[in-house]
Protein backbone atom coordinates (compact mmCIF):
# COMPACT_ATOMS: atom_id res chain seq x y z
CA MET A 1 29.57 -94.22 7.01
CA GLU A 2 30.19 -97.43 8.87
CA LYS A 3 32.53 -97.39 11.83
CA LEU A 4 35.68 -99.35 11.22
CA ALA A 5 37.23 -101.69 13.73
CA GLY A 6 39.78 -100.11 16.04
CA GLY A 7 38.26 -96.62 16.08
CA GLN A 8 39.53 -95.57 12.66
CA SER A 9 36.67 -93.10 12.28
CA GLY A 10 37.54 -91.33 15.53
CA ARG A 11 41.20 -91.15 14.60
CA ARG A 12 40.30 -89.41 11.35
CA GLU A 13 38.22 -86.81 13.16
CA ILE A 14 40.98 -86.13 15.67
CA SER A 15 43.61 -85.77 12.95
CA ALA A 16 41.35 -83.37 11.03
CA ALA A 17 40.81 -81.26 14.16
CA VAL A 18 44.55 -81.20 14.92
CA THR A 19 45.36 -80.21 11.32
CA ILE A 20 42.83 -77.36 11.30
CA THR A 21 44.12 -76.14 14.66
CA ALA A 22 47.74 -76.23 13.47
CA VAL A 23 46.95 -74.29 10.29
CA THR A 24 45.03 -71.70 12.28
CA ALA A 25 47.88 -71.32 14.77
CA ALA A 26 50.40 -70.92 11.94
CA LEU A 27 48.28 -68.18 10.35
CA ALA A 28 47.99 -66.41 13.70
CA VAL A 29 51.77 -66.46 14.15
CA LEU A 30 52.27 -65.14 10.61
CA LEU A 31 49.88 -62.27 11.31
CA ILE A 32 51.78 -61.40 14.50
CA PHE A 33 55.12 -61.20 12.68
CA PHE A 34 53.77 -59.74 9.40
CA PRO A 35 50.71 -57.59 10.26
CA ASP A 36 50.66 -55.95 6.83
CA MET A 37 49.97 -59.21 5.01
CA PRO A 38 47.17 -58.89 2.46
CA GLY A 39 43.85 -60.41 3.40
CA PRO A 40 41.85 -63.05 1.54
CA THR A 41 40.14 -60.46 -0.67
CA GLU A 42 43.45 -59.16 -1.98
CA LEU A 43 44.69 -62.72 -2.51
CA ILE A 44 41.67 -63.62 -4.65
CA ALA A 45 41.97 -60.37 -6.62
CA PHE A 46 45.66 -61.10 -7.25
CA LEU A 47 44.96 -64.67 -8.38
CA PHE A 48 42.24 -63.61 -10.81
CA SER A 49 44.25 -60.70 -12.18
CA THR A 50 47.15 -63.02 -13.01
CA ILE A 51 44.95 -65.24 -15.19
CA GLY A 52 43.51 -62.25 -17.04
CA MET A 53 40.14 -61.78 -15.35
CA LYS A 54 39.44 -58.22 -14.23
């Protein structure tokens, strides 16, 4: 990908890193306040069971 004038490519990378960090921090805070939250395996099982796949 060609670099755009004004550092647009770098800005995109920084915003992606900040977004990933913010989502990770939010999940960490949720786990502190709600430690009994189901994990990703239970979430996927729930999603597939609601559409009829067992």
